[in-house]
Amino acid sequence: MKMFKVELSQNYLRRRSKLVKRDRSLAIKYDKFFHRFMLDPYYPSLKTHKVDITNFGVVYSSRVTGDIRIVWKYLNRDTIVILTTGGHDGKSSVYK
């Protein structure tokens, strides 16, 4: 099974840090997410789909929890860049 190389943007790291600071249990959920994601970005529970976001253009969104999403894109065939993370709705929405 092919594993993707994953690069984390500074924006993602900053936003993840703020979210985990508010809810420490999210750290474990992010770890579980990446375990599945690196093997298969389209794993069914991740509910990965294409989205068109003002700041990033056409990219992909995957589910970490009921409300938390990760936005990413392919850099090349083997590498994925994680662009940002945040809520599905509200103030921390990734879809702005």
C-alpha atoms as a PDB file:
ATOM      1  CA  MET A   1       0.000   0.000   0.000  1.00  0.00           C
ATOM      2  CA  LYS A   2       1.363   3.408  -1.020  1.00  0.00           C
ATOM      3  CA  MET A   3       1.926   6.049   1.671  1.00  0.00           C
ATOM      4  CA  PHE A   4       1.792   9.703   0.734  1.00  0.00           C
ATOM      5  CA  LYS A   5       4.372  12.194   1.902  1.00  0.00           C
ATOM      6  CA  VAL A   6       2.567  14.957   3.808  1.00  0.00           C
ATOM      7  CA  GLU A   7       3.857  18.518   4.202  1.00  0.00           C
ATOM      8  CA  LEU A   8       2.307  20.775   6.857  1.00  0.00           C
ATOM      9  CA  SER A   9       1.930  24.493   6.116  1.00  0.00           C
ATOM     10  CA  GLN A  10       2.643  27.132   8.764  1.00  0.00           C
ATOM     11  CA  ASN A  11      -1.014  28.187   8.561  1.00  0.00           C
ATOM     12  CA  TYR A  12      -2.119  24.638   9.377  1.00  0.00           C
ATOM     13  CA  LEU A  13       0.319  24.313  12.298  1.00  0.00           C
ATOM     14  CA  ARG A  14      -0.789  27.643  13.789  1.00  0.00           C
ATOM     15  CA  ARG A  15      -4.520  26.883  13.513  1.00  0.00           C
ATOM     16  CA  ARG A  16      -4.110  23.312  14.800  1.00  0.00           C
ATOM     17  CA  SER A  17      -2.202  24.591  17.816  1.00  0.00           C
ATOM     18  CA  LYS A  18      -5.029  26.997  18.702  1.00  0.00           C
ATOM     19  CA  LEU A  19      -7.678  24.289  18.329  1.00  0.00           C
ATOM     20  CA  VAL A  20      -5.753  21.711  20.381  1.00  0.00           C
ATOM     21  CA  LYS A  21      -5.091  24.305  23.092  1.00  0.00           C
ATOM     22  CA  ARG A  22      -8.874  24.689  23.501  1.00  0.00           C
ATOM     23  CA  ASP A  23      -9.577  20.936  23.375  1.00  0.00           C
ATOM     24  CA  ARG A  24      -6.660  18.606  24.148  1.00  0.00           C
ATOM     25  CA  SER A  25      -8.570  15.507  22.985  1.00  0.00           C
ATOM     26  CA  LEU A  26      -8.281  16.853  19.423  1.00  0.00           C
ATOM     27  CA  ALA A  27      -4.578  15.942  19.364  1.00  0.00           C
ATOM     28  CA  ILE A  28      -5.494  12.245  19.451  1.00  0.00           C
ATOM     29  CA  LYS A  29      -8.138  12.758  16.758  1.00  0.00           C
ATOM     30  CA  TYR A  30      -5.626  14.507  14.489  1.00  0.00           C
ATOM     31  CA  ASP A  31      -3.210  11.569  14.997  1.00  0.00           C
ATOM     32  CA  LYS A  32      -5.908   9.058  14.029  1.00  0.00           C
ATOM     33  CA  PHE A  33      -6.841  11.194  11.049  1.00  0.00           C
ATOM     34  CA  PHE A  34      -3.259  11.276   9.720  1.00  0.00           C
ATOM     35  CA  HIS A  35      -2.809   7.546  10.261  1.00  0.00           C
ATOM     36  CA  ARG A  36      -5.719   6.882   7.872  1.00  0.00           C
ATOM     37  CA  PHE A  37      -5.085   9.858   5.595  1.00  0.00           C
ATOM     38  CA  MET A  38      -1.477   8.975   4.758  1.00  0.00           C
ATOM     39  CA  LEU A  39      -2.551   5.517   3.585  1.00  0.00           C
ATOM     40  CA  ASP A  40      -5.698   6.617   1.759  1.00  0.00           C
ATOM     41  CA  PRO A  41      -6.849  10.267   1.532  1.00  0.00           C
ATOM     42  CA  TYR A  42     -10.227   8.956   0.332  1.00  0.00           C
ATOM     43  CA  TYR A  43     -10.813   6.585   3.259  1.00  0.00           C
ATOM     44  CA  PRO A  44     -14.628   6.597   3.655  1.00  0.00           C
ATOM     45  CA  SER A  45     -14.791   8.022   7.199  1.00  0.00           C
ATOM     46  CA  LEU A  46     -12.728  11.061   6.101  1.00  0.00           C
ATOM     47  CA  LYS A  47     -15.496  12.093   3.686  1.00  0.00           C
ATOM     48  CA  THR A  48     -12.972  13.738   1.367  1.00  0.00           C
ATOM     49  CA  HIS A  49     -14.403  15.979  -1.335  1.00  0.00           C
ATOM     50  CA  LYS A  50     -13.377  18.835  -3.637  1.00  0.00           C
ATOM     51  CA  VAL A  51     -14.192  22.370  -2.539  1.00  0.00           C
ATOM     52  CA  ASP A  52     -13.642  25.811  -4.050  1.00  0.00           C
ATOM     53  CA  ILE A  53     -12.392  28.155  -1.320  1.00  0.00           C
ATOM     54  CA  THR A  54     -11.671  31.835  -1.899  1.00  0.00           C
ATOM     55  CA  ASN A  55      -8.182  31.747  -0.324  1.00  0.00           C
ATOM     56  CA  PHE A  56      -7.004  28.457  -1.886  1.00  0.00           C
ATOM     57  CA  GLY A  57      -9.014  27.819  -5.066  1.00  0.00           C
ATOM     58  CA  VAL A  58     -10.114  24.259  -5.854  1.00  0.00           C
ATOM     59  CA  VAL A  59      -8.716  21.985  -3.131  1.00  0.00           C
ATOM     60  CA  TYR A  60      -9.843  19.004  -1.051  1.00  0.00           C
ATOM     61  CA  SER A  61     -11.507  18.917   2.360  1.00  0.00           C
ATOM     62  CA  SER A  62     -11.416  15.931   4.727  1.00  0.00           C
ATOM     63  CA  ARG A  63     -13.181  15.359   8.027  1.00  0.00           C
ATOM     64  CA  VAL A  64     -11.245  15.014  11.310  1.00  0.00           C
ATOM     65  CA  THR A  65     -14.314  15.159  13.600  1.00  0.00           C
ATOM     66  CA  GLY A  66     -17.961  16.101  13.155  1.00  0.00           C
ATOM     67  CA  ASP A  67     -16.999  19.773  12.958  1.00  0.00           C
ATOM     68  CA  ILE A  68     -13.227  19.881  12.287  1.00  0.00           C
ATOM     69  CA  ARG A  69     -11.945  19.762   8.700  1.00  0.00           C
ATOM     70  CA  ILE A  70      -8.533  19.741   7.055  1.00  0.00           C
ATOM     71  CA  VAL A  71      -8.040  21.451   3.688  1.00  0.00           C
ATOM     72  CA  TRP A  72      -5.316  20.077   1.430  1.00  0.00           C
ATOM     73  CA  LYS A  73      -4.036  19.758  -2.120  1.00  0.00           C
ATOM     74  CA  TYR A  74      -1.718  17.531  -4.116  1.00  0.00           C
ATOM     75  CA  LEU A  75       1.754  18.999  -4.621  1.00  0.00           C
ATOM     76  CA  ASN A  76       2.613  16.114  -6.958  1.00  0.00           C
ATOM     77  CA  ARG A  77       1.737  12.396  -7.342  1.00  0.00           C
ATOM     78  CA  ASP A  78       3.358  11.428  -4.050  1.00  0.00           C
ATOM     79  CA  THR A  79       3.067  14.567  -1.904  1.00  0.00           C
ATOM     80  CA  ILE A  80       0.139  16.280  -0.232  1.00  0.00           C
ATOM     81  CA  VAL A  81       0.257  19.739   1.365  1.00  0.00           C
ATOM     82  CA  ILE A  82      -2.008  20.388   4.347  1.00  0.00           C
ATOM     83  CA  LEU A  83      -3.147  23.996   3.921  1.00  0.00           C
ATOM     84  CA  THR A  84      -5.346  24.693   6.943  1.00  0.00           C
ATOM     85  CA  THR A  85      -7.687  23.254   9.535  1.00  0.00           C
ATOM     86  CA  GLY A  86     -10.723  24.541  11.359  1.00  0.00           C
ATOM     87  CA  GLY A  87     -14.416  24.209  11.852  1.00  0.00           C
ATOM     88  CA  HIS A  88     -17.022  23.380   9.276  1.00  0.00           C
ATOM     89  CA  ASP A  89     -19.148  26.387  10.301  1.00  0.00           C
ATOM     90  CA  GLY A  90     -18.852  29.530  12.339  1.00  0.00           C
ATOM     91  CA  LYS A  91     -15.907  31.729  13.253  1.00  0.00           C
ATOM     92  CA  SER A  92     -13.186  29.129  12.596  1.00  0.00           C
ATOM     93  CA  SER A  93     -14.687  27.883   9.320  1.00  0.00           C
ATOM     94  CA  VAL A  94     -12.189  26.671   6.718  1.00  0.00           C
ATOM     95  CA  TYR A  95     -14.695  27.435   3.941  1.00  0.00           C
ATOM     96  CA  LYS A  96     -14.369  31.243   4.106  1.00  0.00           C
END
